[in-house]
């Protein structure tokens, strides 16, 4: 019984050529794609791409809306900081607010 023989360079080149020819034969033996099936695949791909583009556009619009809302809040805060301070409520104003809260609490209990 012969022992294991390390494959040489020529053996490896020959094996690679055989594998390449087998793969090419398998590829040539494959039936051609039906044009109708190919058209359906292309239509599905276009539809999928359009849906993804729409989804990206919607996400971009949402991000822009959030950014605009942040900018608006920042502007409001800046305006509030620049506006004169509101006058301190008088004792009568505080009493009126307290009475309103009391009346609301009583109304909720009924």
C-alpha atoms as a PDB file:
ATOM      1  CA  UNK A   1       0.000   0.000   0.000  1.00  0.00           C
ATOM      2  CA  UNK A   2       1.407   3.357  -1.038  1.00  0.00           C
ATOM      3  CA  UNK A   3       1.672   6.149   1.499  1.00  0.00           C
ATOM      4  CA  UNK A   4       0.348   9.674   1.198  1.00  0.00           C
ATOM      5  CA  UNK A   5       1.970  11.670  -1.587  1.00  0.00           C
ATOM      6  CA  UNK A   6       2.022  15.483  -1.315  1.00  0.00           C
ATOM      7  CA  UNK A   7       0.472  16.948  -4.505  1.00  0.00           C
ATOM      8  CA  UNK A   8       2.969  18.952  -6.492  1.00  0.00           C
ATOM      9  CA  UNK A   9       2.472  22.176  -8.383  1.00  0.00           C
ATOM     10  CA  UNK A  10       1.499  20.423 -11.612  1.00  0.00           C
ATOM     11  CA  UNK A  11      -1.071  18.288  -9.780  1.00  0.00           C
ATOM     12  CA  UNK A  12      -2.661  21.386  -8.222  1.00  0.00           C
ATOM     13  CA  UNK A  13      -2.775  23.205 -11.587  1.00  0.00           C
ATOM     14  CA  UNK A  14      -4.378  20.157 -13.213  1.00  0.00           C
ATOM     15  CA  UNK A  15      -7.010  19.880 -10.408  1.00  0.00           C
ATOM     16  CA  UNK A  16      -7.806  23.595 -10.695  1.00  0.00           C
ATOM     17  CA  UNK A  17      -8.234  23.295 -14.479  1.00  0.00           C
ATOM     18  CA  UNK A  18     -10.568  20.316 -14.060  1.00  0.00           C
ATOM     19  CA  UNK A  19     -12.630  22.154 -11.448  1.00  0.00           C
ATOM     20  CA  UNK A  20     -12.845  25.204 -13.725  1.00  0.00           C
ATOM     21  CA  UNK A  21     -13.972  23.105 -16.702  1.00  0.00           C
ATOM     22  CA  UNK A  22     -16.588  21.300 -14.553  1.00  0.00           C
ATOM     23  CA  UNK A  23     -17.979  24.619 -13.303  1.00  0.00           C
ATOM     24  CA  UNK A  24     -18.112  25.973 -16.857  1.00  0.00           C
ATOM     25  CA  UNK A  25     -19.909  22.817 -18.049  1.00  0.00           C
ATOM     26  CA  UNK A  26     -22.481  23.166 -15.259  1.00  0.00           C
ATOM     27  CA  UNK A  27     -23.004  26.821 -16.177  1.00  0.00           C
ATOM     28  CA  UNK A  28     -23.448  26.001 -19.882  1.00  0.00           C
ATOM     29  CA  UNK A  29     -25.880  23.185 -19.075  1.00  0.00           C
ATOM     30  CA  UNK A  30     -28.126  25.576 -17.151  1.00  0.00           C
ATOM     31  CA  UNK A  31     -31.282  26.467 -19.105  1.00  0.00           C
ATOM     32  CA  UNK A  32     -31.554  30.131 -20.163  1.00  0.00           C
ATOM     33  CA  UNK A  33     -33.793  32.438 -18.127  1.00  0.00           C
ATOM     34  CA  UNK A  34     -37.232  32.977 -19.599  1.00  0.00           C
ATOM     35  CA  UNK A  35     -37.591  36.636 -20.725  1.00  0.00           C
ATOM     36  CA  UNK A  36     -40.992  36.865 -19.023  1.00  0.00           C
ATOM     37  CA  UNK A  37     -39.528  35.689 -15.697  1.00  0.00           C
ATOM     38  CA  UNK A  38     -36.648  38.104 -16.135  1.00  0.00           C
ATOM     39  CA  UNK A  39     -39.100  40.963 -16.788  1.00  0.00           C
ATOM     40  CA  UNK A  40     -41.103  40.031 -13.674  1.00  0.00           C
ATOM     41  CA  UNK A  41     -37.937  40.035 -11.573  1.00  0.00           C
ATOM     42  CA  UNK A  42     -36.956  43.439 -12.936  1.00  0.00           C
ATOM     43  CA  UNK A  43     -40.446  44.812 -12.194  1.00  0.00           C
ATOM     44  CA  UNK A  44     -40.300  43.487  -8.638  1.00  0.00           C
ATOM     45  CA  UNK A  45     -36.858  45.011  -8.174  1.00  0.00           C
ATOM     46  CA  UNK A  46     -38.081  48.395  -9.438  1.00  0.00           C
ATOM     47  CA  UNK A  47     -41.105  48.220  -7.147  1.00  0.00           C
ATOM     48  CA  UNK A  48     -38.896  47.343  -4.167  1.00  0.00           C
ATOM     49  CA  UNK A  49     -36.488  50.176  -4.969  1.00  0.00           C
ATOM     50  CA  UNK A  50     -39.370  52.652  -5.261  1.00  0.00           C
ATOM     51  CA  UNK A  51     -40.751  51.548  -1.889  1.00  0.00           C
ATOM     52  CA  UNK A  52     -37.332  51.931  -0.295  1.00  0.00           C
ATOM     53  CA  UNK A  53     -36.884  55.370  -1.838  1.00  0.00           C
ATOM     54  CA  UNK A  54     -40.302  56.422  -0.539  1.00  0.00           C
ATOM     55  CA  UNK A  55     -39.443  55.112   2.919  1.00  0.00           C
ATOM     56  CA  UNK A  56     -36.139  57.013   2.891  1.00  0.00           C
ATOM     57  CA  UNK A  57     -37.899  60.203   1.772  1.00  0.00           C
ATOM     58  CA  UNK A  58     -40.486  59.834   4.531  1.00  0.00           C
ATOM     59  CA  UNK A  59     -37.780  59.282   7.160  1.00  0.00           C
ATOM     60  CA  UNK A  60     -35.905  62.324   5.864  1.00  0.00           C
ATOM     61  CA  UNK A  61     -39.080  64.434   6.070  1.00  0.00           C
ATOM     62  CA  UNK A  62     -39.666  63.262   9.654  1.00  0.00           C
ATOM     63  CA  UNK A  63     -36.094  64.129  10.619  1.00  0.00           C
ATOM     64  CA  UNK A  64     -36.470  67.562   9.030  1.00  0.00           C
ATOM     65  CA  UNK A  65     -39.764  68.134  10.879  1.00  0.00           C
ATOM     66  CA  UNK A  66     -38.122  67.198  14.183  1.00  0.00           C
ATOM     67  CA  UNK A  67     -35.219  69.508  13.442  1.00  0.00           C
ATOM     68  CA  UNK A  68     -37.581  72.372  12.633  1.00  0.00           C
ATOM     69  CA  UNK A  69     -39.501  71.714  15.861  1.00  0.00           C
ATOM     70  CA  UNK A  70     -36.238  71.864  17.844  1.00  0.00           C
ATOM     71  CA  UNK A  71     -35.304  75.114  16.133  1.00  0.00           C
ATOM     72  CA  UNK A  72     -38.753  76.560  16.875  1.00  0.00           C
ATOM     73  CA  UNK A  73     -38.501  75.545  20.545  1.00  0.00           C
ATOM     74  CA  UNK A  74     -35.055  77.104  20.762  1.00  0.00           C
ATOM     75  CA  UNK A  75     -36.374  80.329  19.227  1.00  0.00           C
ATOM     76  CA  UNK A  76     -39.289  80.369  21.678  1.00  0.00           C
ATOM     77  CA  UNK A  77     -36.895  79.871  24.570  1.00  0.00           C
ATOM     78  CA  UNK A  78     -34.710  82.685  23.288  1.00  0.00           C
ATOM     79  CA  UNK A  79     -37.737  84.962  22.956  1.00  0.00           C
ATOM     80  CA  UNK A  80     -38.889  84.024  26.450  1.00  0.00           C
ATOM     81  CA  UNK A  81     -35.438  84.778  27.808  1.00  0.00           C
ATOM     82  CA  UNK A  82     -35.402  88.155  26.047  1.00  0.00           C
ATOM     83  CA  UNK A  83     -38.965  89.121  27.005  1.00  0.00           C
ATOM     84  CA  UNK A  84     -39.522  91.209  30.123  1.00  0.00           C
ATOM     85  CA  UNK A  85     -40.295  89.139  33.205  1.00  0.00           C
ATOM     86  CA  UNK A  86     -43.951  88.688  34.005  1.00  0.00           C
ATOM     87  CA  UNK A  87     -45.134  90.694  36.991  1.00  0.00           C
ATOM     88  CA  UNK A  88     -45.320  88.885  40.309  1.00  0.00           C
ATOM     89  CA  UNK A  89     -48.918  87.764  41.035  1.00  0.00           C
ATOM     90  CA  UNK A  90     -50.685  89.805  43.646  1.00  0.00           C
ATOM     91  CA  UNK A  91     -52.269  88.371  46.750  1.00  0.00           C
ATOM     92  CA  UNK A  92     -55.691  88.629  45.089  1.00  0.00           C
ATOM     93  CA  UNK A  93     -54.433  86.666  42.036  1.00  0.00           C
ATOM     94  CA  UNK A  94     -52.999  83.923  44.236  1.00  0.00           C
ATOM     95  CA  UNK A  95     -56.273  83.715  46.197  1.00  0.00           C
ATOM     96  CA  UNK A  96     -58.310  83.466  42.993  1.00  0.00           C
ATOM     97  CA  UNK A  97     -56.070  80.641  41.701  1.00  0.00           C
ATOM     98  CA  UNK A  98     -56.289  78.820  45.030  1.00  0.00           C
ATOM     99  CA  UNK A  99     -60.105  79.142  45.052  1.00  0.00           C
ATOM    100  CA  UNK A 100     -60.268  77.814  41.474  1.00  0.00           C
ATOM    101  CA  UNK A 101     -58.180  74.757  42.405  1.00  0.00           C
ATOM    102  CA  UNK A 102     -60.387  74.145  45.446  1.00  0.00           C
ATOM    103  CA  UNK A 103     -63.553  74.381  43.329  1.00  0.00           C
ATOM    104  CA  UNK A 104     -62.094  71.983  40.752  1.00  0.00           C
ATOM    105  CA  UNK A 105     -61.222  69.483  43.485  1.00  0.00           C
ATOM    106  CA  UNK A 106     -64.751  69.686  44.893  1.00  0.00           C
ATOM    107  CA  UNK A 107     -66.218  69.169  41.406  1.00  0.00           C
ATOM    108  CA  UNK A 108     -64.105  66.033  40.853  1.00  0.00           C
ATOM    109  CA  UNK A 109     -65.341  64.475  44.124  1.00  0.00           C
ATOM    110  CA  UNK A 110     -69.003  64.654  43.079  1.00  0.00           C
END
